[in-house]
Amino acid sequence: MSIEQKVAVFDTYVQQASKAIMHFDIVVPEGTNTSQVHEYGLDYLNNKGVEKSYFSTNCCNFCHIEHPTPEMLKAIGEKGYYIIEMEGCHT
C-alpha cells in the first residue's frame, strides 16, 4: 500500500459494561469488506481488554475515504488496520 492509495474510515462507538462509551475510527485499505473491519474492531477491543460482547455490527459504520498518513500505512502494513482513538479509549 502506498500514500497514493486511499483508506476507508469506519466510525465506531462501543458502550462498555460500565456504560462508558469508546469512540474510535477503524482505518483500512479501501475495498476491505465489512466483516474484516469488524474482525479488526474485535482485535482492537481484545487488545484493550474490553469485552467483545459489547461490539456489534451496528457499532461500526463506514464514514469516508481519505489518503493515508505514513503512520496509518505502517500500522496497516503490520496488522491490516489502524485505529484513531477519540473518546474513552484510554481508561
N, C-alpha and C. Protein backbone atom coordinates (compact mmCIF):
# COMPACT_ATOMS: atom_id res chain seq x y z
N MET A 1 0.85 -1.17 0.00
CA MET A 1 0.00 0.00 0.00
C MET A 1 0.89 1.23 0.00
N SER A 2 0.49 2.23 -0.75
CA SER A 2 1.27 3.46 -0.82
C SER A 2 0.40 4.66 -0.46
N ILE A 3 1.06 5.78 -0.29
CA ILE A 3 0.36 7.01 0.09
C ILE A 3 -0.63 7.45 -0.99
N GLU A 4 -0.42 6.98 -2.25
CA GLU A 4 -1.33 7.34 -3.33
C GLU A 4 -2.66 6.59 -3.22
N GLN A 5 -2.62 5.42 -2.58
CA GLN A 5 -3.84 4.65 -2.40
C GLN A 5 -4.67 5.29 -1.28
N LYS A 6 -5.91 4.93 -1.24
CA LYS A 6 -6.81 5.52 -0.25
C LYS A 6 -7.21 4.49 0.79
N VAL A 7 -7.64 5.01 1.93
CA VAL A 7 -8.13 4.16 3.01
C VAL A 7 -9.58 4.52 3.32
N ALA A 8 -10.29 3.54 3.85
CA ALA A 8 -11.66 3.73 4.29
C ALA A 8 -11.65 3.90 5.81
N VAL A 9 -12.48 4.81 6.29
CA VAL A 9 -12.56 5.09 7.72
C VAL A 9 -13.95 4.68 8.21
N PHE A 10 -13.96 3.86 9.27
CA PHE A 10 -15.21 3.38 9.87
C PHE A 10 -15.34 3.97 11.26
N ASP A 11 -16.37 4.78 11.46
CA ASP A 11 -16.66 5.43 12.73
C ASP A 11 -17.27 4.40 13.67
N THR A 12 -16.69 4.26 14.86
CA THR A 12 -17.08 3.16 15.76
C THR A 12 -17.34 3.67 17.17
N TYR A 13 -18.47 3.23 17.74
CA TYR A 13 -18.84 3.54 19.11
C TYR A 13 -19.15 2.23 19.82
N VAL A 14 -18.57 2.02 20.99
CA VAL A 14 -18.82 0.81 21.76
C VAL A 14 -19.17 1.22 23.19
N GLN A 15 -20.35 0.78 23.66
CA GLN A 15 -20.72 1.03 25.05
C GLN A 15 -20.27 -0.16 25.88
N GLN A 16 -19.46 0.11 26.90
CA GLN A 16 -18.93 -0.94 27.75
C GLN A 16 -19.91 -1.27 28.88
N ALA A 17 -19.60 -2.30 29.65
CA ALA A 17 -20.45 -2.71 30.78
C ALA A 17 -20.67 -1.56 31.75
N SER A 18 -19.65 -0.73 31.91
CA SER A 18 -19.75 0.42 32.83
C SER A 18 -20.60 1.54 32.26
N LYS A 19 -21.11 1.36 31.05
CA LYS A 19 -21.88 2.34 30.29
C LYS A 19 -21.01 3.42 29.67
N ALA A 20 -19.69 3.37 29.91
CA ALA A 20 -18.78 4.31 29.27
C ALA A 20 -18.73 4.01 27.77
N ILE A 21 -18.61 5.06 26.98
CA ILE A 21 -18.57 4.93 25.53
C ILE A 21 -17.13 5.05 25.04
N MET A 22 -16.74 4.12 24.20
CA MET A 22 -15.47 4.21 23.48
C MET A 22 -15.79 4.66 22.06
N HIS A 23 -15.10 5.69 21.60
CA HIS A 23 -15.28 6.19 20.23
C HIS A 23 -13.94 6.13 19.54
N PHE A 24 -13.88 5.39 18.46
CA PHE A 24 -12.64 5.27 17.69
C PHE A 24 -12.97 5.00 16.23
N ASP A 25 -12.01 5.30 15.37
CA ASP A 25 -12.15 5.00 13.95
C ASP A 25 -11.26 3.82 13.60
N ILE A 26 -11.78 2.94 12.76
CA ILE A 26 -11.00 1.84 12.22
C ILE A 26 -10.66 2.22 10.79
N VAL A 27 -9.37 2.29 10.48
CA VAL A 27 -8.89 2.70 9.16
C VAL A 27 -8.32 1.47 8.46
N VAL A 28 -8.82 1.21 7.26
CA VAL A 28 -8.42 0.02 6.50
C VAL A 28 -8.22 0.39 5.03
N PRO A 29 -7.52 -0.46 4.28
CA PRO A 29 -7.40 -0.18 2.85
C PRO A 29 -8.78 -0.10 2.20
N GLU A 30 -8.93 0.83 1.28
CA GLU A 30 -10.18 0.98 0.55
C GLU A 30 -10.55 -0.36 -0.08
N GLY A 31 -11.80 -0.76 0.04
CA GLY A 31 -12.26 -2.02 -0.54
C GLY A 31 -12.28 -3.19 0.45
N THR A 32 -11.76 -2.98 1.66
CA THR A 32 -11.80 -4.04 2.68
C THR A 32 -13.26 -4.34 3.00
N ASN A 33 -13.60 -5.64 3.05
CA ASN A 33 -15.01 -5.97 3.32
C ASN A 33 -15.36 -5.70 4.78
N THR A 34 -16.63 -5.42 4.99
CA THR A 34 -17.12 -5.02 6.30
C THR A 34 -16.89 -6.07 7.38
N SER A 35 -17.00 -7.34 7.03
CA SER A 35 -16.78 -8.38 8.05
C SER A 35 -15.34 -8.36 8.54
N GLN A 36 -14.40 -8.05 7.65
CA GLN A 36 -13.00 -7.94 8.07
C GLN A 36 -12.80 -6.72 8.97
N VAL A 37 -13.47 -5.63 8.66
CA VAL A 37 -13.40 -4.43 9.51
C VAL A 37 -13.88 -4.76 10.92
N HIS A 38 -14.96 -5.53 11.02
CA HIS A 38 -15.48 -5.92 12.33
C HIS A 38 -14.48 -6.80 13.07
N GLU A 39 -13.81 -7.68 12.36
CA GLU A 39 -12.77 -8.51 12.99
C GLU A 39 -11.65 -7.63 13.55
N TYR A 40 -11.28 -6.60 12.80
CA TYR A 40 -10.26 -5.68 13.29
C TYR A 40 -10.74 -4.94 14.54
N GLY A 41 -12.01 -4.57 14.56
CA GLY A 41 -12.58 -3.92 15.74
C GLY A 41 -12.51 -4.84 16.96
N LEU A 42 -12.84 -6.10 16.77
CA LEU A 42 -12.77 -7.07 17.86
C LEU A 42 -11.34 -7.27 18.33
N ASP A 43 -10.40 -7.28 17.41
CA ASP A 43 -8.99 -7.42 17.76
C ASP A 43 -8.54 -6.23 18.61
N TYR A 44 -8.90 -5.03 18.19
CA TYR A 44 -8.55 -3.82 18.93
C TYR A 44 -9.13 -3.88 20.35
N LEU A 45 -10.42 -4.21 20.46
CA LEU A 45 -11.05 -4.28 21.78
C LEU A 45 -10.40 -5.34 22.66
N ASN A 46 -10.07 -6.47 22.09
CA ASN A 46 -9.39 -7.53 22.83
C ASN A 46 -8.05 -7.03 23.38
N ASN A 47 -7.31 -6.30 22.55
CA ASN A 47 -6.02 -5.75 22.98
C ASN A 47 -6.18 -4.70 24.08
N LYS A 48 -7.34 -4.06 24.14
CA LYS A 48 -7.63 -3.07 25.18
C LYS A 48 -8.26 -3.71 26.43
N GLY A 49 -8.55 -5.01 26.36
CA GLY A 49 -9.16 -5.70 27.50
C GLY A 49 -10.64 -5.43 27.64
N VAL A 50 -11.31 -5.07 26.55
CA VAL A 50 -12.75 -4.77 26.57
C VAL A 50 -13.51 -6.00 26.12
N GLU A 51 -14.59 -6.32 26.84
CA GLU A 51 -15.44 -7.45 26.46
C GLU A 51 -15.92 -7.28 25.02
N LYS A 52 -15.63 -8.26 24.19
CA LYS A 52 -16.05 -8.14 22.80
C LYS A 52 -17.55 -8.28 22.62
N SER A 53 -18.25 -8.75 23.64
CA SER A 53 -19.71 -8.88 23.53
C SER A 53 -20.37 -7.51 23.38
N TYR A 54 -19.65 -6.44 23.68
CA TYR A 54 -20.22 -5.10 23.55
C TYR A 54 -20.06 -4.53 22.15
N PHE A 55 -19.39 -5.28 21.28
CA PHE A 55 -19.16 -4.83 19.91
C PHE A 55 -20.11 -5.56 18.98
N SER A 56 -20.82 -4.82 18.17
CA SER A 56 -21.70 -5.43 17.18
C SER A 56 -21.54 -4.70 15.86
N THR A 57 -22.12 -5.27 14.82
CA THR A 57 -22.03 -4.64 13.51
C THR A 57 -22.70 -3.27 13.50
N ASN A 58 -23.63 -3.03 14.41
CA ASN A 58 -24.30 -1.74 14.49
C ASN A 58 -23.41 -0.65 15.08
N CYS A 59 -22.30 -1.04 15.71
CA CYS A 59 -21.40 -0.09 16.36
C CYS A 59 -20.46 0.59 15.38
N CYS A 60 -20.33 0.04 14.20
CA CYS A 60 -19.27 0.43 13.28
C CYS A 60 -19.86 0.74 11.91
N ASN A 61 -19.70 1.99 11.45
CA ASN A 61 -20.28 2.39 10.17
C ASN A 61 -19.26 3.10 9.30
N PHE A 62 -19.32 2.81 8.00
CA PHE A 62 -18.45 3.50 7.06
C PHE A 62 -18.67 4.99 7.17
N CYS A 63 -17.57 5.74 7.18
CA CYS A 63 -17.65 7.19 7.33
C CYS A 63 -17.18 7.90 6.06
N HIS A 64 -15.92 7.66 5.66
CA HIS A 64 -15.39 8.35 4.48
C HIS A 64 -14.11 7.68 3.98
N ILE A 65 -13.62 8.17 2.84
CA ILE A 65 -12.37 7.72 2.23
C ILE A 65 -11.37 8.87 2.32
N GLU A 66 -10.10 8.54 2.59
CA GLU A 66 -9.07 9.57 2.64
C GLU A 66 -7.72 8.98 2.24
N HIS A 67 -6.74 9.85 2.07
CA HIS A 67 -5.36 9.41 1.81
C HIS A 67 -4.72 9.08 3.15
N PRO A 68 -3.97 7.97 3.23
CA PRO A 68 -3.36 7.57 4.50
C PRO A 68 -2.13 8.40 4.84
N THR A 69 -1.89 8.53 6.14
CA THR A 69 -0.66 9.14 6.63
C THR A 69 0.41 8.04 6.70
N PRO A 70 1.68 8.42 6.82
CA PRO A 70 2.72 7.40 6.98
C PRO A 70 2.47 6.50 8.20
N GLU A 71 1.96 7.06 9.27
CA GLU A 71 1.65 6.27 10.48
C GLU A 71 0.57 5.22 10.18
N MET A 72 -0.45 5.62 9.44
CA MET A 72 -1.50 4.68 9.04
C MET A 72 -0.93 3.56 8.19
N LEU A 73 -0.10 3.94 7.21
CA LEU A 73 0.50 2.95 6.31
C LEU A 73 1.32 1.93 7.09
N LYS A 74 2.08 2.39 8.06
CA LYS A 74 2.91 1.49 8.87
C LYS A 74 2.05 0.47 9.61
N ALA A 75 1.01 0.95 10.30
CA ALA A 75 0.13 0.05 11.06
C ALA A 75 -0.62 -0.91 10.14
N ILE A 76 -1.11 -0.42 9.02
CA ILE A 76 -1.84 -1.28 8.08
C ILE A 76 -0.90 -2.35 7.53
N GLY A 77 0.33 -1.98 7.27
CA GLY A 77 1.31 -2.95 6.80
C GLY A 77 1.62 -4.02 7.82
N GLU A 78 1.58 -3.66 9.11
CA GLU A 78 1.91 -4.59 10.19
C GLU A 78 0.73 -5.47 10.59
N LYS A 79 -0.47 -4.87 10.71
CA LYS A 79 -1.60 -5.66 11.22
C LYS A 79 -2.87 -5.57 10.40
N GLY A 80 -2.85 -4.80 9.31
CA GLY A 80 -4.01 -4.74 8.44
C GLY A 80 -4.94 -3.57 8.69
N TYR A 81 -4.77 -2.89 9.82
CA TYR A 81 -5.66 -1.77 10.16
C TYR A 81 -4.93 -0.77 11.04
N TYR A 82 -5.54 0.41 11.19
CA TYR A 82 -5.04 1.47 12.04
C TYR A 82 -6.22 1.99 12.85
N ILE A 83 -5.99 2.32 14.10
CA ILE A 83 -7.06 2.85 14.96
C ILE A 83 -6.76 4.30 15.30
N ILE A 84 -7.77 5.15 15.14
CA ILE A 84 -7.71 6.53 15.62
C ILE A 84 -8.57 6.56 16.88
N GLU A 85 -7.93 6.68 18.05
CA GLU A 85 -8.65 6.72 19.32
C GLU A 85 -9.15 8.14 19.57
N MET A 86 -10.44 8.26 19.91
CA MET A 86 -11.01 9.59 20.12
C MET A 86 -11.54 9.80 21.54
N GLU A 87 -12.46 8.96 21.98
CA GLU A 87 -13.04 9.16 23.30
C GLU A 87 -13.11 7.84 24.06
N GLY A 88 -12.77 7.86 25.33
CA GLY A 88 -12.95 6.71 26.20
C GLY A 88 -12.05 5.53 25.90
N CYS A 89 -10.97 5.73 25.18
CA CYS A 89 -10.10 4.63 24.78
C CYS A 89 -8.91 4.44 25.71
N HIS A 90 -8.70 5.36 26.62
CA HIS A 90 -7.51 5.31 27.49
C HIS A 90 -7.84 5.03 28.94
N THR A 91 -8.95 4.37 29.18
CA THR A 91 -9.33 4.07 30.56
C THR A 91 -8.92 2.69 30.96
